[in-house]
C-alpha atoms as a PDB file:
ATOM      1  CA  MET A   1      52.379  37.534  48.118  1.00  0.00           C
ATOM      2  CA  PRO A   2      55.427  39.794  48.093  1.00  0.00           C
ATOM      3  CA  GLU A   3      55.108  43.537  47.653  1.00  0.00           C
ATOM      4  CA  VAL A   4      54.926  44.728  44.040  1.00  0.00           C
ATOM      5  CA  TRP A   5      58.594  45.774  43.805  1.00  0.00           C
ATOM      6  CA  LEU A   6      59.630  42.155  44.716  1.00  0.00           C
ATOM      7  CA  ARG A   7      57.552  40.551  41.988  1.00  0.00           C
ATOM      8  CA  GLY A   8      59.925  41.481  39.160  1.00  0.00           C
ATOM      9  CA  PRO A   9      59.913  43.985  36.337  1.00  0.00           C
ATOM     10  CA  LEU A  10      56.643  45.153  34.790  1.00  0.00           C
ATOM     11  CA  PRO A  11      56.364  44.501  31.032  1.00  0.00           C
ATOM     12  CA  GLU A  12      56.925  47.454  28.767  1.00  0.00           C
ATOM     13  CA  VAL A  13      57.836  49.869  31.592  1.00  0.00           C
ATOM     14  CA  PRO A  14      61.299  51.360  31.029  1.00  0.00           C
ATOM     15  CA  PRO A  15      63.861  50.098  33.551  1.00  0.00           C
ATOM     16  CA  LEU A  16      64.378  53.493  35.174  1.00  0.00           C
ATOM     17  CA  LEU A  17      60.683  53.926  35.728  1.00  0.00           C
ATOM     18  CA  GLN A  18      60.115  50.508  37.275  1.00  0.00           C
ATOM     19  CA  PRO A  19      60.193  51.920  40.853  1.00  0.00           C
ATOM     20  CA  VAL A  20      57.546  54.555  40.014  1.00  0.00           C
ATOM     21  CA  ALA A  21      55.296  51.855  38.534  1.00  0.00           C
ATOM     22  CA  HIS A  22      55.896  49.509  41.484  1.00  0.00           C
ATOM     23  CA  ALA A  23      54.956  52.242  44.013  1.00  0.00           C
ATOM     24  CA  LEU A  24      51.752  53.143  42.209  1.00  0.00           C
ATOM     25  CA  LEU A  25      50.674  49.543  41.920  1.00  0.00           C
ATOM     26  CA  GLN A  26      51.528  48.941  45.633  1.00  0.00           C
ATOM     27  CA  ALA A  27      49.431  51.987  46.548  1.00  0.00           C
ATOM     28  CA  ARG A  28      46.472  50.742  44.487  1.00  0.00           C
ATOM     29  CA  GLU A  29      46.653  47.305  46.102  1.00  0.00           C
ATOM     30  CA  GLU A  30      46.847  48.709  49.639  1.00  0.00           C
ATOM     31  CA  ILE A  31      44.043  51.165  49.141  1.00  0.00           C
ATOM     32  CA  GLU A  32      41.728  48.479  47.562  1.00  0.00           C
ATOM     33  CA  GLU A  33      42.370  46.120  50.512  1.00  0.00           C
ATOM     34  CA  LEU A  34      42.116  48.778  53.232  1.00  0.00           C
ATOM     35  CA  LEU A  35      38.878  50.236  51.937  1.00  0.00           C
ATOM     36  CA  THR A  36      36.939  47.043  51.150  1.00  0.00           C
ATOM     37  CA  ASP A  37      33.621  47.461  52.809  1.00  0.00           C
ATOM     38  CA  PHE A  38      34.596  50.811  54.230  1.00  0.00           C
ATOM     39  CA  PRO A  39      31.429  52.598  55.508  1.00  0.00           C
ATOM     40  CA  ALA A  40      30.462  55.619  53.408  1.00  0.00           C
ATOM     41  CA  SER A  41      29.344  57.346  56.609  1.00  0.00           C
ATOM     42  CA  LEU A  42      32.995  57.476  57.742  1.00  0.00           C
ATOM     43  CA  LEU A  43      34.428  58.855  54.485  1.00  0.00           C
ATOM     44  CA  TRP A  44      34.502  62.489  55.566  1.00  0.00           C
ATOM     45  CA  GLN A  45      35.349  61.973  59.326  1.00  0.00           C
ATOM     46  CA  ARG A  46      38.364  64.005  60.476  1.00  0.00           C
ATOM     47  CA  PRO A  47      39.593  62.559  63.731  1.00  0.00           C
ATOM     48  CA  ALA A  48      41.793  65.077  65.580  1.00  0.00           C
ATOM     49  CA  GLY A  49      41.312  67.433  62.688  1.00  0.00           C
ATOM     50  CA  VAL A  50      43.416  65.335  60.206  1.00  0.00           C
ATOM     51  CA  ALA A  51      42.468  64.996  56.564  1.00  0.00           C
ATOM     52  CA  SER A  52      39.568  62.621  55.910  1.00  0.00           C
ATOM     53  CA  VAL A  53      39.747  59.308  53.996  1.00  0.00           C
ATOM     54  CA  GLY A  54      37.641  61.030  51.275  1.00  0.00           C
ATOM     55  CA  PHE A  55      40.103  63.845  50.911  1.00  0.00           C
ATOM     56  CA  HIS A  56      43.069  61.501  50.656  1.00  0.00           C
ATOM     57  CA  LEU A  57      41.345  59.476  47.906  1.00  0.00           C
ATOM     58  CA  GLN A  58      40.511  62.623  45.950  1.00  0.00           C
ATOM     59  CA  HIS A  59      43.943  64.101  46.394  1.00  0.00           C
ATOM     60  CA  LEU A  60      45.758  60.908  45.485  1.00  0.00           C
ATOM     61  CA  THR A  61      43.882  60.754  42.178  1.00  0.00           C
ATOM     62  CA  GLY A  62      44.286  64.481  41.458  1.00  0.00           C
ATOM     63  CA  VAL A  63      47.961  64.716  42.246  1.00  0.00           C
ATOM     64  CA  LEU A  64      48.714  61.776  39.960  1.00  0.00           C
ATOM     65  CA  ASP A  65      46.775  63.454  37.179  1.00  0.00           C
ATOM     66  CA  ARG A  66      48.513  66.789  37.727  1.00  0.00           C
ATOM     67  CA  THR A  67      52.062  65.615  38.131  1.00  0.00           C
ATOM     68  CA  PHE A  68      51.799  63.323  35.009  1.00  0.00           C
ATOM     69  CA  THR A  69      50.317  66.196  33.103  1.00  0.00           C
ATOM     70  CA  TYR A  70      53.330  68.436  34.010  1.00  0.00           C
ATOM     71  CA  ALA A  71      55.651  65.508  33.046  1.00  0.00           C
ATOM     72  CA  ARG A  72      54.112  65.671  29.582  1.00  0.00           C
ATOM     73  CA  ALA A  73      54.940  69.366  29.474  1.00  0.00           C
ATOM     74  CA  GLU A  74      51.295  70.322  29.452  1.00  0.00           C
ATOM     75  CA  ALA A  75      49.432  72.914  31.416  1.00  0.00           C
ATOM     76  CA  LEU A  76      46.517  71.995  33.718  1.00  0.00           C
ATOM     77  CA  THR A  77      43.079  72.260  32.153  1.00  0.00           C
ATOM     78  CA  SER A  78      40.168  74.056  33.688  1.00  0.00           C
ATOM     79  CA  THR A  79      38.692  70.703  34.580  1.00  0.00           C
ATOM     80  CA  GLN A  80      41.838  69.707  36.410  1.00  0.00           C
ATOM     81  CA  LEU A  81      41.782  72.967  38.380  1.00  0.00           C
ATOM     82  CA  ALA A  82      38.166  72.498  39.303  1.00  0.00           C
ATOM     83  CA  VAL A  83      38.947  69.038  40.550  1.00  0.00           C
ATOM     84  CA  LEU A  84      41.788  70.487  42.637  1.00  0.00           C
ATOM     85  CA  ALA A  85      39.404  73.014  44.155  1.00  0.00           C
ATOM     86  CA  ALA A  86      36.865  70.316  45.064  1.00  0.00           C
ATOM     87  CA  GLU A  87      39.330  68.051  46.880  1.00  0.00           C
ATOM     88  CA  GLY A  88      38.105  67.344  50.377  1.00  0.00           C
ATOM     89  CA  HIS A  89      34.468  68.116  49.530  1.00  0.00           C
ATOM     90  CA  ASP A  90      31.524  65.790  48.911  1.00  0.00           C
ATOM     91  CA  ASP A  91      29.552  68.351  46.993  1.00  0.00           C
ATOM     92  CA  THR A  92      29.446  66.930  43.533  1.00  0.00           C
ATOM     93  CA  ASP A  93      26.512  65.815  41.449  1.00  0.00           C
ATOM     94  CA  LEU A  94      27.470  62.157  41.985  1.00  0.00           C
ATOM     95  CA  PRO A  95      27.416  60.782  45.433  1.00  0.00           C
ATOM     96  CA  LEU A  96      30.997  60.033  46.458  1.00  0.00           C
ATOM     97  CA  THR A  97      31.251  56.630  47.988  1.00  0.00           C
ATOM     98  CA  PRO A  98      34.422  54.751  48.986  1.00  0.00           C
ATOM     99  CA  ASP A  99      33.977  52.476  45.913  1.00  0.00           C
ATOM    100  CA  VAL A 100      33.546  55.414  43.545  1.00  0.00           C
ATOM    101  CA  LEU A 101      36.748  57.090  44.951  1.00  0.00           C
ATOM    102  CA  VAL A 102      38.811  53.881  45.043  1.00  0.00           C
ATOM    103  CA  THR A 103      37.787  53.148  41.445  1.00  0.00           C
ATOM    104  CA  ALA A 104      38.737  56.627  40.319  1.00  0.00           C
ATOM    105  CA  PHE A 105      42.169  56.160  41.934  1.00  0.00           C
ATOM    106  CA  ALA A 106      42.670  52.749  40.304  1.00  0.00           C
ATOM    107  CA  ARG A 107      41.794  54.187  36.862  1.00  0.00           C
ATOM    108  CA  GLN A 108      44.254  57.083  37.440  1.00  0.00           C
ATOM    109  CA  VAL A 109      46.960  54.572  38.288  1.00  0.00           C
ATOM    110  CA  ASP A 110      46.155  52.723  35.008  1.00  0.00           C
ATOM    111  CA  ARG A 111      46.533  56.001  33.059  1.00  0.00           C
ATOM    112  CA  ALA A 112      49.800  56.705  34.840  1.00  0.00           C
ATOM    113  CA  LEU A 113      51.132  53.255  33.952  1.00  0.00           C
ATOM    114  CA  ASP A 114      50.166  53.795  30.315  1.00  0.00           C
ATOM    115  CA  GLN A 115      52.147  57.040  30.334  1.00  0.00           C
ATOM    116  CA  LEU A 116      55.136  55.376  31.981  1.00  0.00           C
ATOM    117  CA  ARG A 117      55.187  52.757  29.291  1.00  0.00           C
ATOM    118  CA  THR A 118      55.431  55.351  26.597  1.00  0.00           C
ATOM    119  CA  THR A 119      57.915  57.705  28.397  1.00  0.00           C
ATOM    120  CA  PRO A 120      61.394  57.418  26.693  1.00  0.00           C
ATOM    121  CA  GLU A 121      64.160  57.204  29.241  1.00  0.00           C
ATOM    122  CA  ALA A 122      66.085  59.820  27.272  1.00  0.00           C
ATOM    123  CA  THR A 123      63.476  62.384  28.320  1.00  0.00           C
ATOM    124  CA  LEU A 124      63.844  61.862  32.088  1.00  0.00           C
ATOM    125  CA  PRO A 125      66.314  64.711  32.691  1.00  0.00           C
ATOM    126  CA  GLU A 126      64.377  67.183  30.572  1.00  0.00           C
ATOM    127  CA  PHE A 127      63.154  70.355  32.272  1.00  0.00           C
ATOM    128  CA  ARG A 128      59.550  70.583  33.220  1.00  0.00           C
ATOM    129  CA  GLY A 129      57.810  73.605  34.767  1.00  0.00           C
ATOM    130  CA  VAL A 130      55.447  73.068  37.556  1.00  0.00           C
ATOM    131  CA  GLY A 131      52.343  75.152  38.135  1.00  0.00           C
ATOM    132  CA  ARG A 132      51.511  78.595  36.943  1.00  0.00           C
ATOM    133  CA  ALA A 133      54.939  79.797  38.206  1.00  0.00           C
ATOM    134  CA  GLY A 134      56.717  77.130  36.228  1.00  0.00           C
ATOM    135  CA  LEU A 135      58.737  76.041  39.190  1.00  0.00           C
ATOM    136  CA  PRO A 136      61.714  73.941  38.053  1.00  0.00           C
ATOM    137  CA  SER A 137      61.563  70.171  37.909  1.00  0.00           C
ATOM    138  CA  THR A 138      62.308  67.338  35.399  1.00  0.00           C
ATOM    139  CA  VAL A 139      60.372  64.477  33.997  1.00  0.00           C
ATOM    140  CA  ILE A 140      62.017  62.075  36.464  1.00  0.00           C
ATOM    141  CA  GLY A 141      61.518  64.507  39.279  1.00  0.00           C
ATOM    142  CA  LEU A 142      57.817  64.755  38.649  1.00  0.00           C
ATOM    143  CA  LEU A 143      57.361  61.025  38.213  1.00  0.00           C
ATOM    144  CA  THR A 144      59.397  60.236  41.308  1.00  0.00           C
ATOM    145  CA  HIS A 145      57.506  62.825  43.313  1.00  0.00           C
ATOM    146  CA  ALA A 146      54.168  61.394  42.115  1.00  0.00           C
ATOM    147  CA  ALA A 147      55.257  57.938  43.460  1.00  0.00           C
ATOM    148  CA  GLU A 148      56.592  59.117  46.859  1.00  0.00           C
ATOM    149  CA  HIS A 149      53.713  61.558  47.374  1.00  0.00           C
ATOM    150  CA  THR A 150      51.256  58.761  46.649  1.00  0.00           C
ATOM    151  CA  MET A 151      52.819  56.454  49.159  1.00  0.00           C
ATOM    152  CA  ARG A 152      52.986  59.188  51.801  1.00  0.00           C
ATOM    153  CA  HIS A 153      49.225  59.751  51.472  1.00  0.00           C
ATOM    154  CA  VAL A 154      48.519  56.049  51.492  1.00  0.00           C
ATOM    155  CA  GLY A 155      50.190  55.918  54.889  1.00  0.00           C
ATOM    156  CA  GLN A 156      48.129  58.836  56.126  1.00  0.00           C
ATOM    157  CA  LEU A 157      44.893  57.333  54.670  1.00  0.00           C
ATOM    158  CA  SER A 158      45.662  53.994  56.253  1.00  0.00           C
ATOM    159  CA  VAL A 159      46.021  55.467  59.761  1.00  0.00           C
ATOM    160  CA  THR A 160      42.871  57.696  59.375  1.00  0.00           C
ATOM    161  CA  ALA A 161      40.787  54.746  58.044  1.00  0.00           C
ATOM    162  CA  ARG A 162      41.827  52.517  60.937  1.00  0.00           C
ATOM    163  CA  VAL A 163      41.152  55.296  63.519  1.00  0.00           C
ATOM    164  CA  VAL A 164      37.645  56.139  62.239  1.00  0.00           C
ATOM    165  CA  ARG A 165      36.678  52.491  61.951  1.00  0.00           C
ATOM    166  CA  ALA A 166      37.847  51.857  65.541  1.00  0.00           C
ATOM    167  CA  THR A 167      36.114  54.894  66.986  1.00  0.00           C
ATOM    168  CA  HIS A 168      32.893  54.326  64.977  1.00  0.00           C
ATOM    169  CA  PRO A 169      32.605  50.503  64.911  1.00  0.00           C
ATOM    170  CA  GLN A 170      29.076  50.539  63.463  1.00  0.00           C
ATOM    171  CA  GLY A 171      30.080  52.994  60.749  1.00  0.00           C
ATOM    172  CA  HIS A 172      27.886  55.848  62.070  1.00  0.00           C
END
């Protein structure tokens, strides 16, 4: 099957936002394939001190949520800030498994796609402040960054997952 961007336009997604949607769907597919049957015992391994698979999954989900929030011209909530602070940690009330984290990312992609479908192209050049400092960006800048940032972390996650599987073949 060809990569998502070669499968044609996505229904209801504005033409200028098709590349963002394609990248997010490609990321979701690659993560789901890569982490099928991934051992939970390897989720927080940090070979050579690099970020763990668990961190990447949490971070991917969180960054999509945060950048799309800024694209809507909204401030982050206290819940979003708490999620940011918890990235890279398995200290929540729910046990974090690969399946739980992959599902959370897939749901965040679905929310992002819903937002893309309702984003008028005329708003793409509008100013959006980022973070507490209100650093300058635009709607298209935030959405494009969300896509490229996602794919960058998918690449890093892919390498880390392969390394920890190869160095811990029994998942221990």
